[in-house]
Amino acid sequence: MELYLITHNKNKIKEFKLLLEPEFKIDVLEFDYPELRSDDSEEIVKLAAKQLADKLNKTVIVEDSGFFIKALNGFPGTCTAYIYQRIGNKGFLKLMKGVKKRAVYYKSAIGFCQAGKEAISFFGVEEGTLALKEKGKKGWGQDPIFIPKGKKKTYGQLRTANDVNLFRKRAIIKLKEFLENNF
């Protein structure tokens, strides 16, 4: 089965290929598409996957991930990339200055759809704590401020070149199990 991953994100491409190939061939289509604005990750990926599969007449995968700060009611959530481009990690830390409860989590939502069929979704979550300041230069995005559960250092300090985001890995594994059982 040939799957088309729609993304510009080189890190996502690497992670999907690492976890799905060679069993499932991943082709990448890099283009922009209108994305629904919603607080519901499942709604976002299912709509995008359905529209893209039908438009391209291909089996597609889309992924949307977010960084959720519990003390801020889940902000920035599904708008993480947009907010990050504007305020960066320093902005997130400023919003949380003086806040003691610093629980956060990453969530990955994957939408899968074959042309003419309904989309389905798969999720992965990774919990952690928001650091008090940026630490480490490894990784990308919120890695320098995210301390994974059970660790004392940020991903910015811990990452290695071949690391896969645990939250995305969990979602991709669910997708892979579905593909193995159905195709």
C-alpha atoms as a PDB file:
ATOM      1  CA  MET A   1       0.000   0.000   0.000  1.00  0.00           C
ATOM      2  CA  GLU A   2       1.330   3.404  -0.979  1.00  0.00           C
ATOM      3  CA  LEU A   3       0.674   6.166   1.539  1.00  0.00           C
ATOM      4  CA  TYR A   4       1.019   9.889   0.930  1.00  0.00           C
ATOM      5  CA  LEU A   5       2.174  11.947   3.890  1.00  0.00           C
ATOM      6  CA  ILE A   6       1.259  15.599   3.441  1.00  0.00           C
ATOM      7  CA  THR A   7       3.692  17.864   5.286  1.00  0.00           C
ATOM      8  CA  HIS A   8       6.591  20.296   4.935  1.00  0.00           C
ATOM      9  CA  ASN A   9       8.063  19.218   8.285  1.00  0.00           C
ATOM     10  CA  LYS A  10      11.314  17.298   7.693  1.00  0.00           C
ATOM     11  CA  ASN A  11      11.269  15.933  11.245  1.00  0.00           C
ATOM     12  CA  LYS A  12       7.790  14.449  10.776  1.00  0.00           C
ATOM     13  CA  ILE A  13       8.846  12.920   7.466  1.00  0.00           C
ATOM     14  CA  LYS A  14      11.858  11.273   9.105  1.00  0.00           C
ATOM     15  CA  GLU A  15       9.743   9.893  11.963  1.00  0.00           C
ATOM     16  CA  PHE A  16       6.984   8.475   9.740  1.00  0.00           C
ATOM     17  CA  LYS A  17       9.484   6.824   7.391  1.00  0.00           C
ATOM     18  CA  LEU A  18      11.516   5.398  10.269  1.00  0.00           C
ATOM     19  CA  LEU A  19       8.462   3.802  11.884  1.00  0.00           C
ATOM     20  CA  LEU A  20       6.437   2.698   8.836  1.00  0.00           C
ATOM     21  CA  GLU A  21       8.935   1.747   6.135  1.00  0.00           C
ATOM     22  CA  PRO A  22       9.749  -0.679   4.604  1.00  0.00           C
ATOM     23  CA  GLU A  23       6.426  -2.392   5.397  1.00  0.00           C
ATOM     24  CA  PHE A  24       4.492   0.596   4.069  1.00  0.00           C
ATOM     25  CA  LYS A  25       5.885   2.926   1.416  1.00  0.00           C
ATOM     26  CA  ILE A  26       5.646   6.580   2.406  1.00  0.00           C
ATOM     27  CA  ASP A  27       5.597   9.179  -0.358  1.00  0.00           C
ATOM     28  CA  VAL A  28       5.701  12.789   0.714  1.00  0.00           C
ATOM     29  CA  LEU A  29       3.687  15.583  -0.822  1.00  0.00           C
ATOM     30  CA  GLU A  30       4.876  18.975   0.369  1.00  0.00           C
ATOM     31  CA  PHE A  31       2.220  21.592  -0.155  1.00  0.00           C
ATOM     32  CA  ASP A  32       0.012  23.859   1.886  1.00  0.00           C
ATOM     33  CA  TYR A  33      -3.654  23.200   2.375  1.00  0.00           C
ATOM     34  CA  PRO A  34      -6.314  25.076   4.317  1.00  0.00           C
ATOM     35  CA  GLU A  35      -6.500  23.759   7.860  1.00  0.00           C
ATOM     36  CA  LEU A  36      -9.595  23.945   9.987  1.00  0.00           C
ATOM     37  CA  ARG A  37      -9.216  26.094  13.116  1.00  0.00           C
ATOM     38  CA  SER A  38     -10.566  24.084  16.007  1.00  0.00           C
ATOM     39  CA  ASP A  39      -9.657  23.075  19.547  1.00  0.00           C
ATOM     40  CA  ASP A  40     -10.376  19.470  18.526  1.00  0.00           C
ATOM     41  CA  SER A  41      -7.331  17.724  17.002  1.00  0.00           C
ATOM     42  CA  GLU A  42      -9.458  14.847  15.727  1.00  0.00           C
ATOM     43  CA  GLU A  43     -11.774  17.191  13.847  1.00  0.00           C
ATOM     44  CA  ILE A  44      -8.787  18.941  12.234  1.00  0.00           C
ATOM     45  CA  VAL A  45      -7.018  15.803  10.969  1.00  0.00           C
ATOM     46  CA  LYS A  46     -10.121  13.913   9.870  1.00  0.00           C
ATOM     47  CA  LEU A  47     -11.414  16.830   7.795  1.00  0.00           C
ATOM     48  CA  ALA A  48      -7.990  17.481   6.227  1.00  0.00           C
ATOM     49  CA  ALA A  49      -7.396  13.786   5.459  1.00  0.00           C
ATOM     50  CA  LYS A  50     -10.842  13.362   3.879  1.00  0.00           C
ATOM     51  CA  GLN A  51     -10.584  16.483   1.734  1.00  0.00           C
ATOM     52  CA  LEU A  52      -7.035  15.707   0.582  1.00  0.00           C
ATOM     53  CA  ALA A  53      -7.698  12.013  -0.145  1.00  0.00           C
ATOM     54  CA  ASP A  54     -10.719  12.877  -2.265  1.00  0.00           C
ATOM     55  CA  LYS A  55      -9.011  15.786  -4.033  1.00  0.00           C
ATOM     56  CA  LEU A  56      -5.810  13.839  -4.812  1.00  0.00           C
ATOM     57  CA  ASN A  57      -7.503  10.449  -5.276  1.00  0.00           C
ATOM     58  CA  LYS A  58      -4.834   8.915  -3.034  1.00  0.00           C
ATOM     59  CA  THR A  59      -4.499   7.358   0.411  1.00  0.00           C
ATOM     60  CA  VAL A  60      -3.243  10.162   2.625  1.00  0.00           C
ATOM     61  CA  ILE A  61      -1.874  10.748   6.085  1.00  0.00           C
ATOM     62  CA  VAL A  62      -1.857  14.102   7.834  1.00  0.00           C
ATOM     63  CA  GLU A  63      -0.565  14.839  11.306  1.00  0.00           C
ATOM     64  CA  ASP A  64      -1.300  17.692  13.654  1.00  0.00           C
ATOM     65  CA  SER A  65       0.500  18.006  16.942  1.00  0.00           C
ATOM     66  CA  GLY A  66       0.237  20.492  19.727  1.00  0.00           C
ATOM     67  CA  PHE A  67       1.743  21.562  23.009  1.00  0.00           C
ATOM     68  CA  PHE A  68      -0.850  21.882  25.756  1.00  0.00           C
ATOM     69  CA  ILE A  69      -0.222  23.825  28.986  1.00  0.00           C
ATOM     70  CA  LYS A  70      -2.744  22.665  31.573  1.00  0.00           C
ATOM     71  CA  ALA A  71      -2.611  25.858  33.691  1.00  0.00           C
ATOM     72  CA  LEU A  72      -3.559  27.833  30.559  1.00  0.00           C
ATOM     73  CA  ASN A  73      -6.566  25.610  29.778  1.00  0.00           C
ATOM     74  CA  GLY A  74      -4.618  23.745  27.114  1.00  0.00           C
ATOM     75  CA  PHE A  75      -3.212  26.826  25.371  1.00  0.00           C
ATOM     76  CA  PRO A  76      -1.589  26.914  22.802  1.00  0.00           C
ATOM     77  CA  GLY A  77      -2.950  23.460  21.877  1.00  0.00           C
ATOM     78  CA  THR A  78      -3.889  23.036  18.233  1.00  0.00           C
ATOM     79  CA  CYS A  79      -2.495  26.516  17.487  1.00  0.00           C
ATOM     80  CA  THR A  80       1.011  25.715  18.752  1.00  0.00           C
ATOM     81  CA  ALA A  81       2.914  26.392  15.519  1.00  0.00           C
ATOM     82  CA  TYR A  82       1.095  29.685  14.923  1.00  0.00           C
ATOM     83  CA  ILE A  83       1.636  30.928  18.491  1.00  0.00           C
ATOM     84  CA  TYR A  84       5.243  29.666  18.613  1.00  0.00           C
ATOM     85  CA  GLN A  85       6.074  31.702  15.484  1.00  0.00           C
ATOM     86  CA  ARG A  86       4.852  34.825  17.267  1.00  0.00           C
ATOM     87  CA  ILE A  87       6.000  34.484  20.897  1.00  0.00           C
ATOM     88  CA  GLY A  88       8.428  31.550  20.927  1.00  0.00           C
ATOM     89  CA  ASN A  89       9.357  29.558  23.995  1.00  0.00           C
ATOM     90  CA  LYS A  90      10.263  32.740  25.858  1.00  0.00           C
ATOM     91  CA  GLY A  91       6.649  33.861  25.440  1.00  0.00           C
ATOM     92  CA  PHE A  92       5.319  30.580  26.847  1.00  0.00           C
ATOM     93  CA  LEU A  93       7.646  30.916  29.831  1.00  0.00           C
ATOM     94  CA  LYS A  94       6.570  34.526  30.366  1.00  0.00           C
ATOM     95  CA  LEU A  95       2.902  33.494  30.387  1.00  0.00           C
ATOM     96  CA  MET A  96       3.735  30.918  33.078  1.00  0.00           C
ATOM     97  CA  LYS A  97       5.922  33.173  35.247  1.00  0.00           C
ATOM     98  CA  GLY A  98       5.077  32.542  38.887  1.00  0.00           C
ATOM     99  CA  VAL A  99       2.765  29.609  38.126  1.00  0.00           C
ATOM    100  CA  LYS A 100       3.576  26.598  40.319  1.00  0.00           C
ATOM    101  CA  LYS A 101       1.513  23.937  38.521  1.00  0.00           C
ATOM    102  CA  ARG A 102       3.482  23.410  35.320  1.00  0.00           C
ATOM    103  CA  ALA A 103       1.969  20.234  33.856  1.00  0.00           C
ATOM    104  CA  VAL A 104       2.050  20.102  30.058  1.00  0.00           C
ATOM    105  CA  TYR A 105       1.607  17.500  27.364  1.00  0.00           C
ATOM    106  CA  TYR A 106       2.236  16.998  23.691  1.00  0.00           C
ATOM    107  CA  LYS A 107      -0.516  15.443  21.604  1.00  0.00           C
ATOM    108  CA  SER A 108      -0.230  14.016  18.107  1.00  0.00           C
ATOM    109  CA  ALA A 109      -3.316  13.381  15.993  1.00  0.00           C
ATOM    110  CA  ILE A 110      -2.955  11.456  12.736  1.00  0.00           C
ATOM    111  CA  GLY A 111      -5.655  11.457  10.099  1.00  0.00           C
ATOM    112  CA  PHE A 112      -5.753   8.580   7.601  1.00  0.00           C
ATOM    113  CA  CYS A 113      -8.091   8.407   4.629  1.00  0.00           C
ATOM    114  CA  GLN A 114      -8.500   6.504   1.386  1.00  0.00           C
ATOM    115  CA  ALA A 115     -10.161   8.350  -1.487  1.00  0.00           C
ATOM    116  CA  GLY A 116     -13.929   7.998  -1.316  1.00  0.00           C
ATOM    117  CA  LYS A 117     -13.944   6.647   2.241  1.00  0.00           C
ATOM    118  CA  GLU A 118     -14.325   8.143   5.696  1.00  0.00           C
ATOM    119  CA  ALA A 119     -11.255   9.368   7.569  1.00  0.00           C
ATOM    120  CA  ILE A 120     -10.098   7.811  10.809  1.00  0.00           C
ATOM    121  CA  SER A 121      -7.729   9.135  13.443  1.00  0.00           C
ATOM    122  CA  PHE A 122      -5.024   7.926  15.815  1.00  0.00           C
ATOM    123  CA  PHE A 123      -3.593   9.697  18.857  1.00  0.00           C
ATOM    124  CA  GLY A 124      -0.456   9.769  20.931  1.00  0.00           C
ATOM    125  CA  VAL A 125       0.187  11.775  24.102  1.00  0.00           C
ATOM    126  CA  GLU A 126       3.296  12.465  26.145  1.00  0.00           C
ATOM    127  CA  GLU A 127       3.092  14.189  29.519  1.00  0.00           C
ATOM    128  CA  GLY A 128       5.698  16.341  31.153  1.00  0.00           C
ATOM    129  CA  THR A 129       6.478  19.566  32.944  1.00  0.00           C
ATOM    130  CA  LEU A 130       7.194  23.055  31.669  1.00  0.00           C
ATOM    131  CA  ALA A 131      10.741  24.058  32.608  1.00  0.00           C
ATOM    132  CA  LEU A 132      11.387  27.357  34.390  1.00  0.00           C
ATOM    133  CA  LYS A 133      13.756  28.442  31.605  1.00  0.00           C
ATOM    134  CA  GLU A 134      15.008  27.209  28.252  1.00  0.00           C
ATOM    135  CA  LYS A 135      17.673  24.538  28.566  1.00  0.00           C
ATOM    136  CA  GLY A 136      19.524  22.796  25.758  1.00  0.00           C
ATOM    137  CA  LYS A 137      19.918  23.419  22.042  1.00  0.00           C
ATOM    138  CA  LYS A 138      18.915  19.988  20.730  1.00  0.00           C
ATOM    139  CA  GLY A 139      15.635  19.218  19.015  1.00  0.00           C
ATOM    140  CA  TRP A 140      13.134  21.828  17.862  1.00  0.00           C
ATOM    141  CA  GLY A 141       9.984  23.654  18.929  1.00  0.00           C
ATOM    142  CA  GLN A 142       9.265  23.318  22.632  1.00  0.00           C
ATOM    143  CA  ASP A 143      12.050  20.768  23.267  1.00  0.00           C
ATOM    144  CA  PRO A 144      14.126  23.276  25.311  1.00  0.00           C
ATOM    145  CA  ILE A 145      11.190  23.884  27.707  1.00  0.00           C
ATOM    146  CA  PHE A 146       9.613  20.401  27.867  1.00  0.00           C
ATOM    147  CA  ILE A 147      10.753  18.055  30.640  1.00  0.00           C
ATOM    148  CA  PRO A 148       9.349  14.579  29.865  1.00  0.00           C
ATOM    149  CA  LYS A 149       7.634  12.717  32.695  1.00  0.00           C
ATOM    150  CA  GLY A 150      10.181  10.822  34.768  1.00  0.00           C
ATOM    151  CA  LYS A 151      13.124  12.955  33.588  1.00  0.00           C
ATOM    152  CA  LYS A 152      14.971  15.899  35.119  1.00  0.00           C
ATOM    153  CA  LYS A 153      16.252  17.440  31.876  1.00  0.00           C
ATOM    154  CA  THR A 154      14.468  18.987  28.892  1.00  0.00           C
ATOM    155  CA  TYR A 155      14.336  17.343  25.496  1.00  0.00           C
ATOM    156  CA  GLY A 156      16.583  20.216  24.423  1.00  0.00           C
ATOM    157  CA  GLN A 157      19.240  18.664  26.656  1.00  0.00           C
ATOM    158  CA  LEU A 158      18.424  14.997  26.016  1.00  0.00           C
ATOM    159  CA  ARG A 159      17.762  14.636  22.279  1.00  0.00           C
ATOM    160  CA  THR A 160      19.945  12.605  19.978  1.00  0.00           C
ATOM    161  CA  ALA A 161      19.939  12.713  16.173  1.00  0.00           C
ATOM    162  CA  ASN A 162      17.724   9.636  15.727  1.00  0.00           C
ATOM    163  CA  ASP A 163      15.157  10.358  18.447  1.00  0.00           C
ATOM    164  CA  VAL A 164      11.495  10.091  17.596  1.00  0.00           C
ATOM    165  CA  ASN A 165       8.979  12.190  19.483  1.00  0.00           C
ATOM    166  CA  LEU A 166       7.277   9.781  21.873  1.00  0.00           C
ATOM    167  CA  PHE A 167       3.836  11.369  21.421  1.00  0.00           C
ATOM    168  CA  ARG A 168       4.066  11.053  17.629  1.00  0.00           C
ATOM    169  CA  LYS A 169       5.598   7.578  17.869  1.00  0.00           C
ATOM    170  CA  ARG A 170       2.616   6.406  19.928  1.00  0.00           C
ATOM    171  CA  ALA A 171       0.191   7.682  17.287  1.00  0.00           C
ATOM    172  CA  ILE A 172       2.215   6.233  14.386  1.00  0.00           C
ATOM    173  CA  ILE A 173       2.363   2.821  16.110  1.00  0.00           C
ATOM    174  CA  LYS A 174      -1.450   2.840  16.361  1.00  0.00           C
ATOM    175  CA  LEU A 175      -1.671   3.714  12.653  1.00  0.00           C
ATOM    176  CA  LYS A 176       0.822   0.948  11.818  1.00  0.00           C
ATOM    177  CA  GLU A 177      -1.169  -1.638  13.799  1.00  0.00           C
ATOM    178  CA  PHE A 178      -4.325  -0.582  11.961  1.00  0.00           C
ATOM    179  CA  LEU A 179      -2.565  -0.904   8.574  1.00  0.00           C
ATOM    180  CA  GLU A 180      -1.090  -4.306   9.446  1.00  0.00           C
ATOM    181  CA  ASN A 181      -4.506  -5.615  10.492  1.00  0.00           C
ATOM    182  CA  ASN A 182      -6.468  -4.177   7.562  1.00  0.00           C
ATOM    183  CA  PHE A 183      -4.222  -4.196   4.486  1.00  0.00           C
END
